[in-house]
């Protein structure tokens, strides 16, 4: 549960509107889930989220970039916990700058600077070799066409579909292991989230655990795997 000025979180003054405050709550909860342990974000972290809100960076964009960052840390075997949202700031803002540049280029009628086919090929190549139906998924990724926003939306839908398919194909032992990971993290979030948010958190954590256990890349043009 996010702090307020009344309970010691004076930095919340930077989020006067209810929409802005909800934005920060969502960013904070997502960060905690990916981190895997509760944490009170600092005044500097509030300012990072405030700058994202003021720039109009969508929560979905923040989520996908953060998931990619934490996935890369796990792949590298990086030890220790990330203790500040500032760790993620450069990646979130760099990816958003690319989105803004693509939009501006489109409005000017210029050729886009983002090599969408190359990034799609990188994503397809990053799929685990033992992924059931890998060739079919890879072909669907490579076949995507359209502007950046259309392709990104299609990738998000395919990402969701792929995780559901993978989950349905797990044996009982694997399902038990995923659920154990999820519940361990959820236990650390009690007291931080409202009761109604726990189930939402559990659903997102399950997706993260599935991705982690199988080494699945985040299907996004702005993920590290897409950049090659």
Protein backbone atom coordinates (compact mmCIF):
# COMPACT_ATOMS: atom_id res chain seq x y z
CA UNK A 1 0.00 0.00 0.00
CA UNK A 2 1.55 3.29 -1.05
CA UNK A 3 2.39 5.84 1.60
CA UNK A 4 0.57 9.12 1.95
CA UNK A 5 1.59 12.42 3.55
CA UNK A 6 -0.39 11.42 6.65
CA UNK A 7 1.57 8.19 7.27
CA UNK A 8 5.04 9.52 6.63
CA UNK A 9 5.24 9.57 2.85
CA UNK A 10 5.52 13.32 2.45
CA UNK A 11 6.96 12.88 -1.01
CA UNK A 12 3.45 11.91 -2.15
CA UNK A 13 2.81 15.63 -2.45
CA UNK A 14 4.19 15.31 -5.96
CA UNK A 15 1.14 13.21 -6.85
CA UNK A 16 -1.71 15.50 -5.88
CA UNK A 17 -4.28 14.18 -8.37
CA UNK A 18 -5.94 10.82 -7.85
CA UNK A 19 -4.92 9.68 -11.36
CA UNK A 20 -1.28 10.51 -10.67
CA UNK A 21 -1.37 8.79 -7.30
CA UNK A 22 -2.87 5.64 -8.82
CA UNK A 23 -0.15 5.72 -11.47
CA UNK A 24 2.52 5.71 -8.80
CA UNK A 25 0.77 2.94 -6.87
CA UNK A 26 0.71 0.79 -9.99
CA UNK A 27 4.40 1.42 -10.72
CA UNK A 28 5.33 0.76 -7.10
CA UNK A 29 3.38 -2.50 -6.93
CA UNK A 30 4.83 -3.72 -10.22
CA UNK A 31 8.37 -2.90 -9.06
CA UNK A 32 7.83 -4.77 -5.79
CA UNK A 33 6.43 -7.81 -7.58
CA UNK A 34 9.36 -8.00 -9.98
CA UNK A 35 11.81 -7.41 -7.15
CA UNK A 36 10.24 -10.28 -5.22
CA UNK A 37 10.25 -8.58 -1.82
CA UNK A 38 8.49 -5.62 -0.16
CA UNK A 39 10.20 -2.25 -0.24
CA UNK A 40 9.28 1.34 0.62
CA UNK A 41 10.29 3.48 -2.33
CA UNK A 42 12.25 6.64 -1.64
CA UNK A 43 11.46 10.28 -2.34
CA UNK A 44 13.76 10.07 -5.38
CA UNK A 45 11.78 7.09 -6.65
CA UNK A 46 8.58 9.11 -6.34
CA UNK A 47 10.18 11.77 -8.51
CA UNK A 48 11.16 9.18 -11.13
CA UNK A 49 7.58 7.91 -11.36
CA UNK A 50 6.27 11.50 -11.35
CA UNK A 51 8.45 12.35 -14.35
CA UNK A 52 7.10 9.28 -16.20
CA UNK A 53 3.52 10.31 -15.45
CA UNK A 54 4.14 13.87 -16.63
CA UNK A 55 5.69 12.61 -19.87
CA UNK A 56 2.65 10.45 -20.49
CA UNK A 57 4.55 7.15 -20.43
CA UNK A 58 1.87 4.41 -20.28
CA UNK A 59 1.94 1.90 -17.45
CA UNK A 60 1.99 -0.94 -19.96
CA UNK A 61 5.22 0.46 -21.41
CA UNK A 62 6.76 0.69 -17.93
CA UNK A 63 5.66 -2.87 -17.14
CA UNK A 64 7.16 -4.37 -20.27
CA UNK A 65 10.50 -2.57 -19.89
CA UNK A 66 10.78 -3.50 -16.20
CA UNK A 67 9.95 -7.13 -16.93
CA UNK A 68 12.69 -7.19 -19.57
CA UNK A 69 15.22 -5.65 -17.20
CA UNK A 70 14.53 -8.11 -14.40
CA UNK A 71 14.51 -11.03 -16.84
CA UNK A 72 17.97 -10.00 -18.06
CA UNK A 73 19.25 -9.83 -14.47
CA UNK A 74 18.07 -13.39 -13.89
CA UNK A 75 19.66 -14.61 -17.12
CA UNK A 76 22.98 -13.08 -16.07
CA UNK A 77 22.65 -14.57 -12.60
CA UNK A 78 22.97 -11.12 -11.02
CA UNK A 79 22.93 -11.35 -7.23
CA UNK A 80 21.19 -9.01 -4.80
CA UNK A 81 17.97 -7.02 -4.97
CA UNK A 82 17.25 -3.85 -6.92
CA UNK A 83 16.53 -1.26 -4.25
CA UNK A 84 15.51 1.74 -6.29
CA UNK A 85 13.30 2.60 -9.24
CA UNK A 86 16.18 4.75 -10.44
CA UNK A 87 17.89 1.55 -11.60
CA UNK A 88 15.16 1.23 -14.23
CA UNK A 89 14.88 4.87 -15.24
CA UNK A 90 17.33 4.90 -18.14
CA UNK A 91 15.82 1.83 -19.81
CA UNK A 92 12.23 3.03 -19.47
CA UNK A 93 12.97 6.49 -20.79
CA UNK A 94 15.26 5.31 -23.61
CA UNK A 95 12.60 2.89 -24.87
CA UNK A 96 9.93 5.61 -24.63
CA UNK A 97 12.16 8.04 -26.52
CA UNK A 98 12.26 5.50 -29.34
CA UNK A 99 8.46 5.34 -29.37
CA UNK A 100 8.20 9.14 -29.48
CA UNK A 101 10.80 9.32 -32.23
CA UNK A 102 8.87 6.80 -34.30
CA UNK A 103 5.64 8.76 -33.87
CA UNK A 104 7.31 12.03 -34.82
CA UNK A 105 8.92 10.44 -37.89
CA UNK A 106 5.55 9.08 -38.95
CA UNK A 107 3.92 12.49 -38.61
CA UNK A 108 6.69 14.03 -40.73
CA UNK A 109 6.39 11.29 -43.32
CA UNK A 110 9.98 10.19 -42.72
CA UNK A 111 11.25 6.65 -42.79
CA UNK A 112 11.24 5.19 -39.27
CA UNK A 113 14.54 4.69 -37.50
CA UNK A 114 13.48 1.44 -35.84
CA UNK A 115 14.27 -1.68 -37.85
CA UNK A 116 11.08 -3.58 -37.03
CA UNK A 117 11.80 -6.69 -39.19
CA UNK A 118 15.26 -7.07 -37.62
CA UNK A 119 13.85 -6.78 -34.10
CA UNK A 120 11.14 -9.31 -34.87
CA UNK A 121 13.78 -11.70 -36.19
CA UNK A 122 15.79 -11.22 -32.98
CA UNK A 123 12.72 -12.01 -30.88
CA UNK A 124 11.98 -15.14 -32.88
CA UNK A 125 15.59 -16.30 -32.49
CA UNK A 126 15.43 -15.69 -28.71
CA UNK A 127 12.63 -18.22 -28.21
CA UNK A 128 13.84 -21.26 -26.22
CA UNK A 129 14.84 -24.16 -28.46
CA UNK A 130 12.67 -26.59 -26.48
CA UNK A 131 9.56 -24.40 -26.55
CA UNK A 132 6.58 -26.48 -27.79
CA UNK A 133 5.44 -25.12 -31.15
CA UNK A 134 8.52 -22.88 -31.36
CA UNK A 135 8.65 -22.79 -35.16
CA UNK A 136 5.00 -21.76 -35.43
CA UNK A 137 5.40 -18.98 -32.84
CA UNK A 138 8.61 -17.76 -34.47
CA UNK A 139 6.91 -17.64 -37.88
CA UNK A 140 4.01 -15.61 -36.47
CA UNK A 141 6.44 -13.12 -34.92
CA UNK A 142 8.43 -12.68 -38.12
CA UNK A 143 5.26 -12.29 -40.21
CA UNK A 144 3.99 -9.28 -38.26
CA UNK A 145 3.67 -6.10 -40.31
CA UNK A 146 2.45 -2.53 -39.86
CA UNK A 147 3.53 0.50 -37.91
CA UNK A 148 5.34 0.24 -34.59
CA UNK A 149 2.24 0.61 -32.44
CA UNK A 150 0.34 -2.04 -34.40
CA UNK A 151 3.23 -4.52 -34.22
CA UNK A 152 3.77 -3.83 -30.52
CA UNK A 153 0.08 -4.44 -29.81
CA UNK A 154 0.16 -7.69 -31.78
CA UNK A 155 3.25 -8.81 -29.89
CA UNK A 156 1.56 -8.11 -26.56
CA UNK A 157 -1.40 -10.28 -27.58
CA UNK A 158 0.91 -13.07 -28.74
CA UNK A 159 2.91 -12.82 -25.52
CA UNK A 160 -0.27 -13.29 -23.48
CA UNK A 161 -1.37 -16.21 -25.66
CA UNK A 162 2.03 -17.88 -25.44
CA UNK A 163 2.14 -17.71 -21.64
CA UNK A 164 -1.36 -19.21 -21.39
CA UNK A 165 -0.38 -22.01 -23.77
CA UNK A 166 2.81 -22.74 -21.84
CA UNK A 167 0.98 -22.80 -18.52
CA UNK A 168 -1.62 -25.22 -19.86
CA UNK A 169 1.14 -27.59 -20.98
CA UNK A 170 2.97 -27.80 -17.64
CA UNK A 171 3.03 -31.08 -15.77
CA UNK A 172 1.87 -31.16 -12.14
CA UNK A 173 5.38 -30.85 -10.71
CA UNK A 174 6.12 -27.76 -12.79
CA UNK A 175 2.75 -26.19 -11.91
CA UNK A 176 3.43 -26.79 -8.22
CA UNK A 177 6.86 -25.16 -8.52
CA UNK A 178 5.40 -22.08 -10.25
CA UNK A 179 2.64 -21.72 -7.66
CA UNK A 180 5.19 -22.02 -4.83
CA UNK A 181 7.21 -19.15 -6.31
CA UNK A 182 4.10 -17.04 -6.68
CA UNK A 183 2.82 -17.63 -3.16
CA UNK A 184 6.23 -16.95 -1.63
CA UNK A 185 6.27 -13.50 -3.21
CA UNK A 186 2.60 -12.80 -2.48
CA UNK A 187 3.22 -13.55 1.19
CA UNK A 188 5.77 -10.75 1.27
CA UNK A 189 3.29 -8.33 -0.28
CA UNK A 190 0.54 -8.68 2.31
CA UNK A 191 0.19 -5.39 4.14
CA UNK A 192 1.51 -3.56 1.09
CA UNK A 193 -1.48 -4.16 -1.19
CA UNK A 194 -5.19 -3.70 -0.75
CA UNK A 195 -7.08 -6.98 -0.54
CA UNK A 196 -8.60 -6.49 -3.99
CA UNK A 197 -5.15 -6.01 -5.53
CA UNK A 198 -3.68 -9.27 -4.24
CA UNK A 199 -5.35 -11.40 -6.91
CA UNK A 200 -4.20 -9.02 -9.64
CA UNK A 201 -0.68 -9.25 -8.25
CA UNK A 202 -0.90 -13.04 -8.11
CA UNK A 203 -1.87 -13.17 -11.79
CA UNK A 204 1.05 -10.97 -12.86
CA UNK A 205 3.46 -12.89 -10.65
CA UNK A 206 2.33 -16.15 -12.22
CA UNK A 207 3.16 -14.81 -15.68
CA UNK A 208 6.56 -13.70 -14.45
CA UNK A 209 7.27 -17.10 -12.86
CA UNK A 210 6.31 -18.88 -16.07
CA UNK A 211 8.56 -16.64 -18.12
CA UNK A 212 11.41 -17.12 -15.68
CA UNK A 213 11.10 -20.91 -15.49
CA UNK A 214 11.13 -21.36 -19.26
CA UNK A 215 13.47 -18.55 -20.25
CA UNK A 216 10.83 -16.85 -22.39
CA UNK A 217 11.68 -13.38 -23.71
CA UNK A 218 9.20 -10.54 -23.31
CA UNK A 219 7.65 -10.19 -26.76
CA UNK A 220 8.19 -6.48 -27.32
CA UNK A 221 10.09 -4.45 -29.90
CA UNK A 222 11.80 -2.71 -27.00
CA UNK A 223 12.95 -5.75 -25.02
CA UNK A 224 16.69 -6.48 -24.80
CA UNK A 225 16.17 -9.64 -26.88
CA UNK A 226 14.65 -7.59 -29.72
CA UNK A 227 17.61 -5.24 -29.68
CA UNK A 228 19.89 -8.23 -30.20
